[in-house]
């Protein structure tokens, strides 16, 4: 059964919009873990628009020994101000997983995966350095991206399928082609020995169809929709609702 990793970035966005410490990302993570989430995800950026380096440290301490901690980030982004760089944060906090994402300051959210034809040369030493810390490495990839097996050659352990296009197709009522593309990509990755995660715009409305259509997904990372739904239902009930969907789709 897929692990649910709750992304708490949006809690940090709300806190940062006002200043101060409320709402606390550690309190949100604690509630998610109480409800049964198997992991907590954060995506620190150099511009610190939401999760900050100290949040990463605080959450690493909170999650330790209780669930998986997944840090997402751009491995190519240099240190800036208080942001020490992704590799430095991973070395300091030792998450169970790091998910490499090719995002930049100009992106509102992650909206594409790596181009391995272009990025492999730069990724290889960074993947090796991250794996040397003992963490599992996952690469954010588009469904249908060519050469998925190259991720294994680079030393990655998993890929994370970018599910934004699937979510858009599902909302439009015609997701069959998008599901098939995700399934084909997942099958190719699994044949190469890679585990498969998924994330972006997954919600209670579309998660079950995705999991039924793409067998063998190991982890789903969900933040934006989950936090939005929690505004109405509460965080712990919302996490439990996602866990029920995952169990039903098994």
Protein backbone atom coordinates (compact mmCIF):
# COMPACT_ATOMS: atom_id res chain seq x y z
CA UNK A 1 0.00 0.00 0.00
CA UNK A 2 1.27 3.48 -0.87
CA UNK A 3 2.62 5.64 1.93
CA UNK A 4 0.96 9.03 2.41
CA UNK A 5 3.53 11.78 2.92
CA UNK A 6 1.91 15.07 3.91
CA UNK A 7 3.54 18.17 2.45
CA UNK A 8 3.36 21.03 4.97
CA UNK A 9 4.60 23.82 2.69
CA UNK A 10 1.19 25.51 2.61
CA UNK A 11 1.19 25.81 6.39
CA UNK A 12 4.42 27.77 6.08
CA UNK A 13 2.92 29.96 3.33
CA UNK A 14 0.10 30.96 5.68
CA UNK A 15 2.51 31.63 8.54
CA UNK A 16 4.82 33.70 6.36
CA UNK A 17 1.96 35.83 5.06
CA UNK A 18 1.47 37.26 8.55
CA UNK A 19 4.88 36.84 10.16
CA UNK A 20 5.51 35.23 13.52
CA UNK A 21 5.21 31.53 14.23
CA UNK A 22 1.53 30.73 13.64
CA UNK A 23 0.34 28.43 12.27
CA UNK A 24 3.25 26.21 13.26
CA UNK A 25 4.46 23.72 10.72
CA UNK A 26 5.54 21.38 13.51
CA UNK A 27 2.00 21.38 14.95
CA UNK A 28 0.57 20.56 11.51
CA UNK A 29 3.07 17.76 11.05
CA UNK A 30 2.27 16.41 14.50
CA UNK A 31 -1.44 16.35 13.66
CA UNK A 32 -0.75 14.53 10.38
CA UNK A 33 1.36 11.92 12.15
CA UNK A 34 -1.29 11.48 14.84
CA UNK A 35 -3.80 10.75 12.11
CA UNK A 36 -1.56 8.06 10.66
CA UNK A 37 0.45 9.73 7.90
CA UNK A 38 3.51 7.70 7.02
CA UNK A 39 5.67 10.66 6.15
CA UNK A 40 6.17 14.40 6.12
CA UNK A 41 7.40 16.27 3.05
CA UNK A 42 8.94 19.73 2.80
CA UNK A 43 10.25 21.67 -0.18
CA UNK A 44 12.65 24.39 0.95
CA UNK A 45 13.59 26.93 -1.73
CA UNK A 46 16.42 29.45 -1.80
CA UNK A 47 13.89 32.32 -1.73
CA UNK A 48 12.33 30.83 1.44
CA UNK A 49 8.83 31.61 0.19
CA UNK A 50 7.43 28.93 2.49
CA UNK A 51 9.52 26.30 4.29
CA UNK A 52 12.66 27.75 5.86
CA UNK A 53 15.87 25.94 6.79
CA UNK A 54 14.99 26.05 10.50
CA UNK A 55 11.65 24.40 9.70
CA UNK A 56 13.56 21.56 8.05
CA UNK A 57 15.65 21.11 11.18
CA UNK A 58 12.65 21.27 13.51
CA UNK A 59 10.65 18.81 11.44
CA UNK A 60 13.56 16.39 11.13
CA UNK A 61 13.71 16.22 14.92
CA UNK A 62 9.93 15.83 15.20
CA UNK A 63 9.64 13.05 12.62
CA UNK A 64 12.74 11.08 13.64
CA UNK A 65 11.88 7.50 14.50
CA UNK A 66 8.17 8.02 13.82
CA UNK A 67 7.77 8.33 10.04
CA UNK A 68 9.68 9.10 6.87
CA UNK A 69 11.02 12.59 6.27
CA UNK A 70 11.22 13.65 2.62
CA UNK A 71 13.03 16.81 1.57
CA UNK A 72 12.34 18.07 -1.95
CA UNK A 73 14.54 20.61 -3.67
CA UNK A 74 16.57 21.76 -6.62
CA UNK A 75 20.05 20.24 -6.36
CA UNK A 76 21.45 22.86 -8.75
CA UNK A 77 20.34 25.88 -6.68
CA UNK A 78 23.27 27.47 -4.81
CA UNK A 79 23.26 28.57 -1.19
CA UNK A 80 21.67 31.96 -0.65
CA UNK A 81 21.40 33.92 2.58
CA UNK A 82 20.19 31.59 5.31
CA UNK A 83 19.52 28.82 2.79
CA UNK A 84 22.61 26.58 2.92
CA UNK A 85 21.82 24.55 -0.21
CA UNK A 86 20.01 21.25 -0.54
CA UNK A 87 23.01 18.99 -0.01
CA UNK A 88 24.01 20.86 3.15
CA UNK A 89 20.48 20.56 4.56
CA UNK A 90 20.39 16.85 3.80
CA UNK A 91 23.78 16.29 5.40
CA UNK A 92 22.60 18.11 8.51
CA UNK A 93 19.13 16.59 8.91
CA UNK A 94 19.55 13.09 7.35
CA UNK A 95 16.07 12.55 5.90
CA UNK A 96 15.00 9.11 4.76
CA UNK A 97 14.41 10.48 1.25
CA UNK A 98 15.41 13.45 -0.85
CA UNK A 99 13.41 14.21 -4.00
CA UNK A 100 15.30 16.22 -6.59
CA UNK A 101 13.14 18.73 -8.47
CA UNK A 102 14.25 21.10 -11.26
CA UNK A 103 12.35 24.16 -10.05
CA UNK A 104 13.37 27.81 -10.02
CA UNK A 105 12.41 31.05 -8.31
CA UNK A 106 10.14 32.02 -11.19
CA UNK A 107 7.90 28.97 -10.77
CA UNK A 108 4.86 29.24 -8.55
CA UNK A 109 5.05 25.49 -8.07
CA UNK A 110 6.94 22.55 -9.55
CA UNK A 111 5.60 22.07 -13.06
CA UNK A 112 8.00 19.74 -14.90
CA UNK A 113 10.48 16.96 -14.35
CA UNK A 114 14.12 16.54 -15.30
CA UNK A 115 15.35 16.23 -18.87
CA UNK A 116 17.87 13.44 -18.36
CA UNK A 117 19.46 14.00 -21.76
CA UNK A 118 20.36 17.50 -20.62
CA UNK A 119 20.73 17.09 -16.86
CA UNK A 120 22.35 13.68 -16.35
CA UNK A 121 25.91 14.98 -16.29
CA UNK A 122 25.18 17.46 -13.52
CA UNK A 123 22.91 15.11 -11.60
CA UNK A 124 25.27 12.14 -11.33
CA UNK A 125 27.75 13.60 -8.80
CA UNK A 126 24.95 15.19 -6.78
CA UNK A 127 23.03 11.91 -6.58
CA UNK A 128 26.23 10.20 -5.43
CA UNK A 129 26.86 12.85 -2.77
CA UNK A 130 23.31 12.59 -1.47
CA UNK A 131 23.38 8.79 -1.37
CA UNK A 132 26.61 8.99 0.61
CA UNK A 133 24.56 10.52 3.45
CA UNK A 134 22.45 7.35 3.58
CA UNK A 135 19.32 8.90 2.11
CA UNK A 136 17.15 7.46 -0.65
CA UNK A 137 17.17 9.59 -3.81
CA UNK A 138 14.15 10.15 -6.02
CA UNK A 139 14.02 12.18 -9.25
CA UNK A 140 10.95 14.22 -10.22
CA UNK A 141 10.00 13.09 -13.72
CA UNK A 142 7.30 13.74 -16.28
CA UNK A 143 5.09 10.86 -17.35
CA UNK A 144 6.26 9.87 -20.81
CA UNK A 145 9.75 11.30 -20.35
CA UNK A 146 12.24 9.42 -22.55
CA UNK A 147 14.97 7.31 -21.00
CA UNK A 148 13.44 6.81 -17.57
CA UNK A 149 15.83 3.89 -17.02
CA UNK A 150 18.70 6.39 -17.03
CA UNK A 151 17.60 7.48 -13.56
CA UNK A 152 18.75 4.10 -12.28
CA UNK A 153 22.05 4.47 -14.11
CA UNK A 154 22.56 7.78 -12.29
CA UNK A 155 22.17 5.97 -8.98
CA UNK A 156 18.64 7.13 -8.13
CA UNK A 157 16.47 4.76 -6.13
CA UNK A 158 13.09 6.07 -7.24
CA UNK A 159 11.30 8.48 -9.51
CA UNK A 160 8.38 10.69 -8.54
CA UNK A 161 5.83 10.99 -11.31
CA UNK A 162 4.64 14.55 -11.87
CA UNK A 163 0.87 14.09 -11.72
CA UNK A 164 -0.25 17.63 -12.58
CA UNK A 165 -1.33 16.73 -16.14
CA UNK A 166 -3.20 13.68 -14.83
CA UNK A 167 -5.08 15.84 -12.30
CA UNK A 168 -6.03 18.34 -15.01
CA UNK A 169 -7.28 15.54 -17.27
CA UNK A 170 -9.23 13.97 -14.41
CA UNK A 171 -10.92 17.30 -13.62
CA UNK A 172 -11.89 17.58 -17.29
CA UNK A 173 -13.47 14.13 -17.14
CA UNK A 174 -11.12 12.34 -19.52
CA UNK A 175 -8.09 10.94 -17.73
CA UNK A 176 -7.70 7.59 -19.50
CA UNK A 177 -4.78 8.66 -21.68
CA UNK A 178 -3.03 10.42 -18.79
CA UNK A 179 -3.40 7.37 -16.55
CA UNK A 180 -2.09 5.11 -19.30
CA UNK A 181 0.96 7.33 -19.78
CA UNK A 182 1.69 7.31 -16.04
CA UNK A 183 1.25 3.53 -15.94
CA UNK A 184 3.62 3.00 -18.89
CA UNK A 185 6.25 5.25 -17.32
CA UNK A 186 5.91 3.56 -13.95
CA UNK A 187 6.24 0.13 -15.56
CA UNK A 188 9.40 1.24 -17.39
CA UNK A 189 10.87 2.59 -14.16
CA UNK A 190 10.01 -0.55 -12.20
CA UNK A 191 11.58 -2.73 -14.89
CA UNK A 192 14.80 -0.76 -14.39
CA UNK A 193 14.70 -1.44 -10.65
CA UNK A 194 13.34 1.96 -9.65
CA UNK A 195 10.61 2.53 -7.10
CA UNK A 196 7.79 4.85 -8.12
CA UNK A 197 6.37 7.74 -6.10
CA UNK A 198 3.81 10.29 -7.29
CA UNK A 199 2.81 13.81 -6.48
CA UNK A 200 1.33 17.13 -7.55
CA UNK A 201 -2.35 18.09 -7.57
CA UNK A 202 -3.44 14.71 -6.24
CA UNK A 203 -6.62 15.10 -4.21
CA UNK A 204 -9.44 13.11 -2.66
CA UNK A 205 -11.29 13.44 -5.96
CA UNK A 206 -8.62 11.83 -8.14
CA UNK A 207 -6.31 9.77 -5.93
CA UNK A 208 -8.19 6.46 -6.01
CA UNK A 209 -8.45 6.44 -9.81
CA UNK A 210 -4.75 7.17 -10.08
CA UNK A 211 -3.69 4.40 -7.71
CA UNK A 212 -5.97 1.87 -9.37
CA UNK A 213 -4.62 2.84 -12.77
CA UNK A 214 -0.93 2.88 -11.80
CA UNK A 215 -0.12 -0.24 -9.75
CA UNK A 216 2.87 -0.40 -7.45
CA UNK A 217 3.12 3.27 -6.43
CA UNK A 218 5.11 3.34 -3.20
CA UNK A 219 4.40 6.86 -1.96
CA UNK A 220 2.15 9.81 -2.71
CA UNK A 221 3.17 13.28 -1.55
CA UNK A 222 0.15 15.54 -1.12
CA UNK A 223 0.04 19.07 0.24
CA UNK A 224 -1.93 21.76 -1.60
CA UNK A 225 -5.22 19.88 -1.96
CA UNK A 226 -4.94 18.21 1.45
CA UNK A 227 -4.39 21.50 3.29
CA UNK A 228 -7.18 23.16 1.32
CA UNK A 229 -9.60 20.34 2.16
CA UNK A 230 -8.51 20.48 5.79
CA UNK A 231 -9.75 24.06 6.05
CA UNK A 232 -13.27 22.63 5.92
CA UNK A 233 -12.91 19.23 7.56
CA UNK A 234 -9.90 19.58 9.86
CA UNK A 235 -6.39 18.29 9.32
CA UNK A 236 -6.59 14.96 11.13
CA UNK A 237 -9.93 13.90 9.57
CA UNK A 238 -8.60 14.88 6.14
CA UNK A 239 -5.44 12.80 6.56
CA UNK A 240 -7.57 9.86 7.68
CA UNK A 241 -9.80 10.31 4.62
CA UNK A 242 -6.74 10.09 2.36
CA UNK A 243 -5.55 6.97 4.15
CA UNK A 244 -8.96 5.37 3.62
CA UNK A 245 -8.77 6.18 -0.11
CA UNK A 246 -5.31 4.63 -0.34
CA UNK A 247 -6.49 1.51 1.47
CA UNK A 248 -9.56 1.16 -0.74
CA UNK A 249 -7.46 1.46 -3.90
CA UNK A 250 -5.03 -1.24 -2.83
